[in-house]
Amino acid sequence: MNQKFIKELAEIIVKIKSRKLAEDFLSSILTPAELDEISRRLQIVKMLKKGIPQRIISKNLNVAIATIGRGARELKYGKAGFKNII
Protein backbone atom coordinates (compact mmCIF):
# COMPACT_ATOMS: atom_id res chain seq x y z
CA MET A 1 0.00 0.00 0.00
CA ASN A 2 1.23 3.45 -0.83
CA GLN A 3 1.13 5.41 2.44
CA LYS A 4 1.14 8.72 0.58
CA PHE A 5 -2.09 7.77 -1.21
CA ILE A 6 -3.69 6.51 2.00
CA LYS A 7 -2.84 9.76 3.78
CA GLU A 8 -4.31 11.76 0.91
CA LEU A 9 -7.52 9.71 1.06
CA ALA A 10 -7.73 10.21 4.83
CA GLU A 11 -7.31 13.97 4.39
CA ILE A 12 -10.17 14.04 1.89
CA ILE A 13 -12.41 12.01 4.20
CA VAL A 14 -11.69 14.35 7.11
CA LYS A 15 -12.85 17.31 4.99
CA ILE A 16 -16.29 15.80 4.33
CA LYS A 17 -18.83 17.68 6.42
CA SER A 18 -22.16 16.10 5.50
CA ARG A 19 -23.58 12.60 5.43
CA LYS A 20 -24.97 13.11 1.91
CA LEU A 21 -21.61 14.27 0.57
CA ALA A 22 -19.92 11.30 2.28
CA GLU A 23 -22.40 8.91 0.65
CA ASP A 24 -21.86 10.51 -2.75
CA PHE A 25 -18.08 10.35 -2.35
CA LEU A 26 -18.12 6.71 -1.29
CA SER A 27 -20.47 5.79 -4.14
CA SER A 28 -18.16 7.55 -6.58
CA ILE A 29 -14.88 6.06 -5.40
CA LEU A 30 -16.05 2.50 -4.65
CA THR A 31 -17.85 -0.08 -6.72
CA PRO A 32 -21.26 -1.17 -5.42
CA ALA A 33 -19.70 -4.47 -4.28
CA GLU A 34 -16.88 -2.69 -2.41
CA LEU A 35 -19.33 -0.34 -0.72
CA ASP A 36 -21.52 -3.27 0.31
CA GLU A 37 -18.52 -5.17 1.68
CA ILE A 38 -17.21 -2.23 3.69
CA SER A 39 -20.61 -1.37 5.14
CA ARG A 40 -21.14 -5.04 6.06
CA ARG A 41 -17.75 -5.12 7.82
CA LEU A 42 -18.84 -2.12 9.85
CA GLN A 43 -22.02 -3.95 10.90
CA ILE A 44 -19.98 -7.02 11.87
CA VAL A 45 -17.74 -5.00 14.16
CA LYS A 46 -20.67 -3.14 15.71
CA MET A 47 -22.42 -6.44 16.46
CA LEU A 48 -19.22 -7.96 17.89
CA LYS A 49 -18.80 -4.96 20.19
CA LYS A 50 -22.35 -5.54 21.44
CA GLY A 51 -21.40 -9.11 22.32
CA ILE A 52 -23.56 -10.78 19.68
CA PRO A 53 -22.29 -14.33 19.00
CA GLN A 54 -20.47 -14.90 15.72
CA ARG A 55 -22.95 -17.55 14.53
CA ILE A 56 -25.85 -15.12 14.91
CA ILE A 57 -23.91 -12.40 13.09
CA SER A 58 -23.14 -14.89 10.32
CA LYS A 59 -26.80 -15.77 9.94
CA ASN A 60 -28.10 -12.18 10.17
CA LEU A 61 -25.59 -10.68 7.73
CA ASN A 62 -25.12 -13.73 5.52
CA VAL A 63 -21.34 -13.75 5.94
CA ALA A 64 -18.84 -16.51 6.65
CA ILE A 65 -17.53 -17.09 10.15
CA ALA A 66 -14.02 -16.41 8.79
CA THR A 67 -15.11 -12.90 7.78
CA ILE A 68 -16.41 -12.30 11.28
CA GLY A 69 -13.19 -13.70 12.72
CA ARG A 70 -11.25 -11.09 10.78
CA GLY A 71 -13.35 -8.36 12.37
CA ALA A 72 -12.87 -9.89 15.81
CA ARG A 73 -9.09 -9.99 15.35
CA GLU A 74 -9.08 -6.39 14.17
CA LEU A 75 -10.99 -5.34 17.27
CA LYS A 76 -8.63 -7.25 19.53
CA TYR A 77 -5.27 -6.57 17.86
CA GLY A 78 -5.87 -3.75 15.38
CA LYS A 79 -5.06 -0.09 15.54
CA ALA A 80 -6.74 2.00 18.23
CA GLY A 81 -8.48 4.24 15.69
CA PHE A 82 -10.65 1.36 14.52
CA LYS A 83 -11.75 0.52 18.06
CA ASN A 84 -12.34 4.15 19.04
CA ILE A 85 -14.38 5.18 16.01
CA ILE A 86 -16.80 2.26 15.97
PDB file of N, CA and C in Angstrom:
ATOM      1  N   MET A   1       0.838  -1.189   0.000  1.00  0.00           N
ATOM      2  CA  MET A   1       0.000   0.000   0.000  1.00  0.00           C
ATOM      3  C   MET A   1       0.878   1.246   0.000  1.00  0.00           C
ATOM      4  N   ASN A   2       0.489   2.208  -0.765  1.00  0.00           N
ATOM      5  CA  ASN A   2       1.227   3.453  -0.833  1.00  0.00           C
ATOM      6  C   ASN A   2       0.717   4.382   0.273  1.00  0.00           C
ATOM      7  N   GLN A   3       1.538   4.596   1.284  1.00  0.00           N
ATOM      8  CA  GLN A   3       1.130   5.409   2.441  1.00  0.00           C
ATOM      9  C   GLN A   3       0.770   6.837   2.044  1.00  0.00           C
ATOM     10  N   LYS A   4       1.437   7.364   1.042  1.00  0.00           N
ATOM     11  CA  LYS A   4       1.139   8.719   0.583  1.00  0.00           C
ATOM     12  C   LYS A   4      -0.304   8.788   0.083  1.00  0.00           C
ATOM     13  N   PHE A   5      -0.728   7.791  -0.677  1.00  0.00           N
ATOM     14  CA  PHE A   5      -2.086   7.768  -1.215  1.00  0.00           C
ATOM     15  C   PHE A   5      -3.117   7.583  -0.103  1.00  0.00           C
ATOM     16  N   ILE A   6      -2.776   6.742   0.867  1.00  0.00           N
ATOM     17  CA  ILE A   6      -3.688   6.512   1.997  1.00  0.00           C
ATOM     18  C   ILE A   6      -3.855   7.799   2.808  1.00  0.00           C
ATOM     19  N   LYS A   7      -2.771   8.497   3.046  1.00  0.00           N
ATOM     20  CA  LYS A   7      -2.845   9.764   3.784  1.00  0.00           C
ATOM     21  C   LYS A   7      -3.689  10.783   3.028  1.00  0.00           C
ATOM     22  N   GLU A   8      -3.521  10.827   1.720  1.00  0.00           N
ATOM     23  CA  GLU A   8      -4.310  11.757   0.911  1.00  0.00           C
ATOM     24  C   GLU A   8      -5.798  11.412   1.001  1.00  0.00           C
ATOM     25  N   LEU A   9      -6.125  10.135   0.930  1.00  0.00           N
ATOM     26  CA  LEU A   9      -7.522   9.706   1.060  1.00  0.00           C
ATOM     27  C   LEU A   9      -8.075  10.083   2.427  1.00  0.00           C
ATOM     28  N   ALA A  10      -7.294   9.859   3.471  1.00  0.00           N
ATOM     29  CA  ALA A  10      -7.727  10.210   4.829  1.00  0.00           C
ATOM     30  C   ALA A  10      -7.980  11.710   4.952  1.00  0.00           C
ATOM     31  N   GLU A  11      -7.125  12.510   4.352  1.00  0.00           N
ATOM     32  CA  GLU A  11      -7.312  13.966   4.390  1.00  0.00           C
ATOM     33  C   GLU A  11      -8.610  14.375   3.699  1.00  0.00           C
ATOM     34  N   ILE A  12      -8.922  13.733   2.599  1.00  0.00           N
ATOM     35  CA  ILE A  12     -10.175  14.038   1.890  1.00  0.00           C
ATOM     36  C   ILE A  12     -11.370  13.635   2.748  1.00  0.00           C
ATOM     37  N   ILE A  13     -11.304  12.470   3.357  1.00  0.00           N
ATOM     38  CA  ILE A  13     -12.414  12.007   4.196  1.00  0.00           C
ATOM     39  C   ILE A  13     -12.644  12.954   5.375  1.00  0.00           C
ATOM     40  N   VAL A  14     -11.572  13.431   5.970  1.00  0.00           N
ATOM     41  CA  VAL A  14     -11.694  14.351   7.111  1.00  0.00           C
ATOM     42  C   VAL A  14     -12.396  15.647   6.700  1.00  0.00           C
ATOM     43  N   LYS A  15     -12.237  16.061   5.462  1.00  0.00           N
ATOM     44  CA  LYS A  15     -12.847  17.311   4.988  1.00  0.00           C
ATOM     45  C   LYS A  15     -14.349  17.194   4.744  1.00  0.00           C
ATOM     46  N   ILE A  16     -14.864  15.988   4.626  1.00  0.00           N
ATOM     47  CA  ILE A  16     -16.289  15.799   4.329  1.00  0.00           C
ATOM     48  C   ILE A  16     -17.117  16.212   5.539  1.00  0.00           C
ATOM     49  N   LYS A  17     -18.055  17.112   5.319  1.00  0.00           N
ATOM     50  CA  LYS A  17     -18.826  17.681   6.420  1.00  0.00           C
ATOM     51  C   LYS A  17     -20.278  17.215   6.479  1.00  0.00           C
ATOM     52  N   SER A  18     -20.751  16.522   5.460  1.00  0.00           N
ATOM     53  CA  SER A  18     -22.156  16.104   5.495  1.00  0.00           C
ATOM     54  C   SER A  18     -22.286  14.626   5.145  1.00  0.00           C
ATOM     55  N   ARG A  19     -23.314  13.999   5.691  1.00  0.00           N
ATOM     56  CA  ARG A  19     -23.576  12.596   5.426  1.00  0.00           C
ATOM     57  C   ARG A  19     -23.848  12.371   3.946  1.00  0.00           C
ATOM     58  N   LYS A  20     -24.626  13.246   3.326  1.00  0.00           N
ATOM     59  CA  LYS A  20     -24.967  13.113   1.909  1.00  0.00           C
ATOM     60  C   LYS A  20     -23.715  13.189   1.041  1.00  0.00           C
ATOM     61  N   LEU A  21     -22.854  14.155   1.329  1.00  0.00           N
ATOM     62  CA  LEU A  21     -21.608  14.273   0.573  1.00  0.00           C
ATOM     63  C   LEU A  21     -20.729  13.042   0.779  1.00  0.00           C
ATOM     64  N   ALA A  22     -20.701  12.509   2.001  1.00  0.00           N
ATOM     65  CA  ALA A  22     -19.924  11.300   2.282  1.00  0.00           C
ATOM     66  C   ALA A  22     -20.469  10.126   1.481  1.00  0.00           C
ATOM     67  N   GLU A  23     -21.787   9.988   1.437  1.00  0.00           N
ATOM     68  CA  GLU A  23     -22.403   8.906   0.654  1.00  0.00           C
ATOM     69  C   GLU A  23     -22.069   9.049  -0.831  1.00  0.00           C
ATOM     70  N   ASP A  24     -22.181  10.271  -1.334  1.00  0.00           N
ATOM     71  CA  ASP A  24     -21.864  10.514  -2.747  1.00  0.00           C
ATOM     72  C   ASP A  24     -20.396  10.193  -3.051  1.00  0.00           C
ATOM     73  N   PHE A  25     -19.506  10.610  -2.162  1.00  0.00           N
ATOM     74  CA  PHE A  25     -18.080  10.352  -2.352  1.00  0.00           C
ATOM     75  C   PHE A  25     -17.807   8.852  -2.361  1.00  0.00           C
ATOM     76  N   LEU A  26     -18.345   8.152  -1.370  1.00  0.00           N
ATOM     77  CA  LEU A  26     -18.117   6.712  -1.292  1.00  0.00           C
ATOM     78  C   LEU A  26     -18.685   5.988  -2.511  1.00  0.00           C
ATOM     79  N   SER A  27     -19.855   6.413  -2.959  1.00  0.00           N
ATOM     80  CA  SER A  27     -20.469   5.794  -4.137  1.00  0.00           C
ATOM     81  C   SER A  27     -19.664   6.073  -5.404  1.00  0.00           C
ATOM     82  N   SER A  28     -18.966   7.192  -5.420  1.00  0.00           N
ATOM     83  CA  SER A  28     -18.158   7.548  -6.584  1.00  0.00           C
ATOM     84  C   SER A  28     -16.819   6.821  -6.613  1.00  0.00           C
ATOM     85  N   ILE A  29     -16.234   6.621  -5.453  1.00  0.00           N
ATOM     86  CA  ILE A  29     -14.881   6.061  -5.395  1.00  0.00           C
ATOM     87  C   ILE A  29     -14.876   4.533  -5.295  1.00  0.00           C
ATOM     88  N   LEU A  30     -15.980   3.945  -4.829  1.00  0.00           N
ATOM     89  CA  LEU A  30     -16.054   2.500  -4.645  1.00  0.00           C
ATOM     90  C   LEU A  30     -17.068   1.879  -5.598  1.00  0.00           C
ATOM     91  N   THR A  31     -16.837   0.637  -5.956  1.00  0.00           N
ATOM     92  CA  THR A  31     -17.848  -0.081  -6.723  1.00  0.00           C
ATOM     93  C   THR A  31     -18.992  -0.438  -5.773  1.00  0.00           C
ATOM     94  N   PRO A  32     -20.162  -0.741  -6.301  1.00  0.00           N
ATOM     95  CA  PRO A  32     -21.261  -1.170  -5.419  1.00  0.00           C
ATOM     96  C   PRO A  32     -20.871  -2.361  -4.536  1.00  0.00           C
ATOM     97  N   ALA A  33     -20.118  -3.306  -5.076  1.00  0.00           N
ATOM     98  CA  ALA A  33     -19.698  -4.465  -4.285  1.00  0.00           C
ATOM     99  C   ALA A  33     -18.748  -4.067  -3.158  1.00  0.00           C
ATOM    100  N   GLU A  34     -17.813  -3.160  -3.444  1.00  0.00           N
ATOM    101  CA  GLU A  34     -16.881  -2.693  -2.411  1.00  0.00           C
ATOM    102  C   GLU A  34     -17.618  -1.941  -1.316  1.00  0.00           C
ATOM    103  N   LEU A  35     -18.546  -1.096  -1.698  1.00  0.00           N
ATOM    104  CA  LEU A  35     -19.326  -0.337  -0.724  1.00  0.00           C
ATOM    105  C   LEU A  35     -20.148  -1.272   0.153  1.00  0.00           C
ATOM    106  N   ASP A  36     -20.748  -2.291  -0.451  1.00  0.00           N
ATOM    107  CA  ASP A  36     -21.519  -3.270   0.305  1.00  0.00           C
ATOM    108  C   ASP A  36     -20.627  -4.024   1.285  1.00  0.00           C
ATOM    109  N   GLU A  37     -19.448  -4.425   0.817  1.00  0.00           N
ATOM    110  CA  GLU A  37     -18.524  -5.169   1.678  1.00  0.00           C
ATOM    111  C   GLU A  37     -18.053  -4.330   2.861  1.00  0.00           C
ATOM    112  N   ILE A  38     -17.698  -3.095   2.613  1.00  0.00           N
ATOM    113  CA  ILE A  38     -17.211  -2.229   3.686  1.00  0.00           C
ATOM    114  C   ILE A  38     -18.317  -1.936   4.699  1.00  0.00           C
ATOM    115  N   SER A  39     -19.513  -1.658   4.215  1.00  0.00           N
ATOM    116  CA  SER A  39     -20.609  -1.366   5.140  1.00  0.00           C
ATOM    117  C   SER A  39     -20.981  -2.611   5.944  1.00  0.00           C
ATOM    118  N   ARG A  40     -20.862  -3.789   5.336  1.00  0.00           N
ATOM    119  CA  ARG A  40     -21.138  -5.040   6.056  1.00  0.00           C
ATOM    120  C   ARG A  40     -20.072  -5.273   7.130  1.00  0.00           C
ATOM    121  N   ARG A  41     -18.816  -4.979   6.820  1.00  0.00           N
ATOM    122  CA  ARG A  41     -17.746  -5.119   7.823  1.00  0.00           C
ATOM    123  C   ARG A  41     -18.017  -4.225   9.031  1.00  0.00           C
ATOM    124  N   LEU A  42     -18.496  -3.028   8.763  1.00  0.00           N
ATOM    125  CA  LEU A  42     -18.842  -2.116   9.851  1.00  0.00           C
ATOM    126  C   LEU A  42     -19.916  -2.738  10.738  1.00  0.00           C
ATOM    127  N   GLN A  43     -20.942  -3.325  10.128  1.00  0.00           N
ATOM    128  CA  GLN A  43     -22.015  -3.949  10.905  1.00  0.00           C
ATOM    129  C   GLN A  43     -21.492  -5.133  11.718  1.00  0.00           C
ATOM    130  N   ILE A  44     -20.575  -5.900  11.142  1.00  0.00           N
ATOM    131  CA  ILE A  44     -19.976  -7.024  11.872  1.00  0.00           C
ATOM    132  C   ILE A  44     -19.303  -6.533  13.137  1.00  0.00           C
ATOM    133  N   VAL A  45     -18.488  -5.505  13.006  1.00  0.00           N
ATOM    134  CA  VAL A  45     -17.741  -4.997  14.158  1.00  0.00           C
ATOM    135  C   VAL A  45     -18.688  -4.415  15.207  1.00  0.00           C
ATOM    136  N   LYS A  46     -19.707  -3.691  14.756  1.00  0.00           N
ATOM    137  CA  LYS A  46     -20.672  -3.136  15.706  1.00  0.00           C
ATOM    138  C   LYS A  46     -21.370  -4.246  16.493  1.00  0.00           C
ATOM    139  N   MET A  47     -21.739  -5.322  15.798  1.00  0.00           N
ATOM    140  CA  MET A  47     -22.415  -6.436  16.460  1.00  0.00           C
ATOM    141  C   MET A  47     -21.461  -7.168  17.410  1.00  0.00           C
ATOM    142  N   LEU A  48     -20.209  -7.333  17.014  1.00  0.00           N
ATOM    143  CA  LEU A  48     -19.217  -7.959  17.891  1.00  0.00           C
ATOM    144  C   LEU A  48     -19.034  -7.139  19.168  1.00  0.00           C
ATOM    145  N   LYS A  49     -18.970  -5.826  19.014  1.00  0.00           N
ATOM    146  CA  LYS A  49     -18.797  -4.965  20.187  1.00  0.00           C
ATOM    147  C   LYS A  49     -19.980  -5.057  21.143  1.00  0.00           C
ATOM    148  N   LYS A  50     -21.161  -5.372  20.603  1.00  0.00           N
ATOM    149  CA  LYS A  50     -22.353  -5.542  21.443  1.00  0.00           C
ATOM    150  C   LYS A  50     -22.398  -6.914  22.097  1.00  0.00           C
ATOM    151  N   GLY A  51     -21.455  -7.778  21.726  1.00  0.00           N
ATOM    152  CA  GLY A  51     -21.403  -9.107  22.316  1.00  0.00           C
ATOM    153  C   GLY A  51     -22.273 -10.141  21.621  1.00  0.00           C
ATOM    154  N   ILE A  52     -22.724  -9.847  20.428  1.00  0.00           N
ATOM    155  CA  ILE A  52     -23.557 -10.785  19.682  1.00  0.00           C
ATOM    156  C   ILE A  52     -22.676 -11.934  19.192  1.00  0.00           C
ATOM    157  N   PRO A  53     -23.100 -13.168  19.408  1.00  0.00           N
ATOM    158  CA  PRO A  53     -22.293 -14.325  18.999  1.00  0.00           C
ATOM    159  C   PRO A  53     -22.042 -14.351  17.482  1.00  0.00           C
ATOM    160  N   GLN A  54     -20.882 -14.875  17.121  1.00  0.00           N
ATOM    161  CA  GLN A  54     -20.475 -14.903  15.721  1.00  0.00           C
ATOM    162  C   GLN A  54     -21.445 -15.678  14.843  1.00  0.00           C
ATOM    163  N   ARG A  55     -22.007 -16.757  15.332  1.00  0.00           N
ATOM    164  CA  ARG A  55     -22.948 -17.545  14.528  1.00  0.00           C
ATOM    165  C   ARG A  55     -24.217 -16.757  14.217  1.00  0.00           C
ATOM    166  N   ILE A  56     -24.664 -15.949  15.155  1.00  0.00           N
ATOM    167  CA  ILE A  56     -25.855 -15.117  14.915  1.00  0.00           C
ATOM    168  C   ILE A  56     -25.521 -14.018  13.909  1.00  0.00           C
ATOM    169  N   ILE A  57     -24.349 -13.424  14.049  1.00  0.00           N
ATOM    170  CA  ILE A  57     -23.911 -12.403  13.091  1.00  0.00           C
ATOM    171  C   ILE A  57     -23.840 -13.012  11.690  1.00  0.00           C
ATOM    172  N   SER A  58     -23.262 -14.208  11.602  1.00  0.00           N
ATOM    173  CA  SER A  58     -23.138 -14.892  10.318  1.00  0.00           C
ATOM    174  C   SER A  58     -24.503 -15.090   9.671  1.00  0.00           C
ATOM    175  N   LYS A  59     -25.451 -15.527  10.459  1.00  0.00           N
ATOM    176  CA  LYS A  59     -26.802 -15.774   9.941  1.00  0.00           C
ATOM    177  C   LYS A  59     -27.490 -14.461   9.556  1.00  0.00           C
ATOM    178  N   ASN A  60     -27.408 -13.454  10.417  1.00  0.00           N
ATOM    179  CA  ASN A  60     -28.105 -12.181  10.171  1.00  0.00           C
ATOM    180  C   ASN A  60     -27.545 -11.407   8.986  1.00  0.00           C
ATOM    181  N   LEU A  61     -26.231 -11.461   8.797  1.00  0.00           N
ATOM    182  CA  LEU A  61     -25.592 -10.681   7.734  1.00  0.00           C
ATOM    183  C   LEU A  61     -25.201 -11.520   6.523  1.00  0.00           C
ATOM    184  N   ASN A  62     -25.447 -12.817   6.618  1.00  0.00           N
ATOM    185  CA  ASN A  62     -25.123 -13.729   5.516  1.00  0.00           C
ATOM    186  C   ASN A  62     -23.639 -13.642   5.127  1.00  0.00           C
ATOM    187  N   VAL A  63     -22.789 -13.776   6.149  1.00  0.00           N
ATOM    188  CA  VAL A  63     -21.342 -13.749   5.940  1.00  0.00           C
ATOM    189  C   VAL A  63     -20.727 -14.993   6.584  1.00  0.00           C
ATOM    190  N   ALA A  64     -19.548 -15.353   6.109  1.00  0.00           N
ATOM    191  CA  ALA A  64     -18.836 -16.511   6.651  1.00  0.00           C
ATOM    192  C   ALA A  64     -18.261 -16.198   8.027  1.00  0.00           C
ATOM    193  N   ILE A  65     -18.141 -17.233   8.822  1.00  0.00           N
ATOM    194  CA  ILE A  65     -17.532 -17.088  10.147  1.00  0.00           C
ATOM    195  C   ILE A  65     -16.108 -16.524  10.027  1.00  0.00           C
ATOM    196  N   ALA A  66     -15.383 -16.912   8.983  1.00  0.00           N
ATOM    197  CA  ALA A  66     -14.016 -16.407   8.786  1.00  0.00           C
ATOM    198  C   ALA A  66     -14.005 -14.891   8.618  1.00  0.00           C
ATOM    199  N   THR A  67     -15.007 -14.357   7.952  1.00  0.00           N
ATOM    200  CA  THR A  67     -15.112 -12.899   7.778  1.00  0.00           C
ATOM    201  C   THR A  67     -15.327 -12.229   9.127  1.00  0.00           C
ATOM    202  N   ILE A  68     -16.143 -12.837   9.946  1.00  0.00           N
ATOM    203  CA  ILE A  68     -16.408 -12.298  11.282  1.00  0.00           C
ATOM    204  C   ILE A  68     -15.155 -12.410  12.139  1.00  0.00           C
ATOM    205  N   GLY A  69     -14.429 -13.519  11.981  1.00  0.00           N
ATOM    206  CA  GLY A  69     -13.187 -13.697  12.724  1.00  0.00           C
ATOM    207  C   GLY A  69     -12.178 -12.614  12.406  1.00  0.00           C
ATOM    208  N   ARG A  70     -12.145 -12.182  11.163  1.00  0.00           N
ATOM    209  CA  ARG A  70     -11.248 -11.085  10.780  1.00  0.00           C
ATOM    210  C   ARG A  70     -11.608  -9.814  11.539  1.00  0.00           C
ATOM    211  N   GLY A  71     -12.901  -9.537  11.618  1.00  0.00           N
ATOM    212  CA  GLY A  71     -13.354  -8.364  12.369  1.00  0.00           C
ATOM    213  C   GLY A  71     -13.026  -8.475  13.845  1.00  0.00           C
ATOM    214  N   ALA A  72     -13.176  -9.670  14.398  1.00  0.00           N
ATOM    215  CA  ALA A  72     -12.869  -9.887  15.815  1.00  0.00           C
ATOM    216  C   ALA A  72     -11.383  -9.676  16.089  1.00  0.00           C
ATOM    217  N   ARG A  73     -10.533 -10.191  15.187  1.00  0.00           N
ATOM    218  CA  ARG A  73      -9.087  -9.988  15.350  1.00  0.00           C
ATOM    219  C   ARG A  73      -8.717  -8.514  15.249  1.00  0.00           C
ATOM    220  N   GLU A  74      -9.368  -7.818  14.340  1.00  0.00           N
ATOM    221  CA  GLU A  74      -9.079  -6.393  14.168  1.00  0.00           C
ATOM    222  C   GLU A  74      -9.466  -5.620  15.430  1.00  0.00           C
ATOM    223  N   LEU A  75     -10.584  -5.984  16.021  1.00  0.00           N
ATOM    224  CA  LEU A  75     -10.987  -5.338  17.270  1.00  0.00           C
ATOM    225  C   LEU A  75      -9.994  -5.617  18.395  1.00  0.00           C
ATOM    226  N   LYS A  76      -9.519  -6.850  18.440  1.00  0.00           N
ATOM    227  CA  LYS A  76      -8.629  -7.251  19.527  1.00  0.00           C
ATOM    228  C   LYS A  76      -7.197  -6.756  19.336  1.00  0.00           C
ATOM    229  N   TYR A  77      -6.685  -6.851  18.099  1.00  0.00           N
ATOM    230  CA  TYR A  77      -5.266  -6.566  17.865  1.00  0.00           C
ATOM    231  C   TYR A  77      -5.010  -5.369  16.950  1.00  0.00           C
ATOM    232  N   GLY A  78      -6.039  -4.804  16.358  1.00  0.00           N
ATOM    233  CA  GLY A  78      -5.871  -3.750  15.376  1.00  0.00           C
ATOM    234  C   GLY A  78      -5.510  -2.412  15.985  1.00  0.00           C
ATOM    235  N   LYS A  79      -5.404  -1.442  15.126  1.00  0.00           N
ATOM    236  CA  LYS A  79      -5.057  -0.086  15.543  1.00  0.00           C
ATOM    237  C   LYS A  79      -6.165   0.514  16.394  1.00  0.00           C
ATOM    238  N   ALA A  80      -5.794   1.406  17.285  1.00  0.00           N
ATOM    239  CA  ALA A  80      -6.741   2.000  18.231  1.00  0.00           C
ATOM    240  C   ALA A  80      -7.831   2.803  17.529  1.00  0.00           C
ATOM    241  N   GLY A  81      -7.493   3.422  16.387  1.00  0.00           N
ATOM    242  CA  GLY A  81      -8.483   4.241  15.692  1.00  0.00           C
ATOM    243  C   GLY A  81      -9.723   3.442  15.307  1.00  0.00           C
ATOM    244  N   PHE A  82      -9.531   2.223  14.911  1.00  0.00           N
ATOM    245  CA  PHE A  82     -10.648   1.359  14.524  1.00  0.00           C
ATOM    246  C   PHE A  82     -11.560   1.129  15.725  1.00  0.00           C
ATOM    247  N   LYS A  83     -10.980   0.797  16.847  1.00  0.00           N
ATOM    248  CA  LYS A  83     -11.754   0.520  18.065  1.00  0.00           C
ATOM    249  C   LYS A  83     -12.453   1.784  18.573  1.00  0.00           C
ATOM    250  N   ASN A  84     -11.798   2.909  18.479  1.00  0.00           N
ATOM    251  CA  ASN A  84     -12.343   4.151  19.037  1.00  0.00           C
ATOM    252  C   ASN A  84     -13.437   4.766  18.184  1.00  0.00           C
ATOM    253  N   ILE A  85     -13.400   4.563  16.894  1.00  0.00           N
ATOM    254  CA  ILE A  85     -14.383   5.177  16.010  1.00  0.00           C
ATOM    255  C   ILE A  85     -15.691   4.399  16.033  1.00  0.00           C
ATOM    256  N   ILE A  86     -15.593   3.090  16.052  1.00  0.00           N
ATOM    257  CA  ILE A  86     -16.796   2.259  15.969  1.00  0.00           C
ATOM    258  C   ILE A  86     -17.351   2.000  17.343  1.00  0.00           C
TER     259      ILE A  86
END
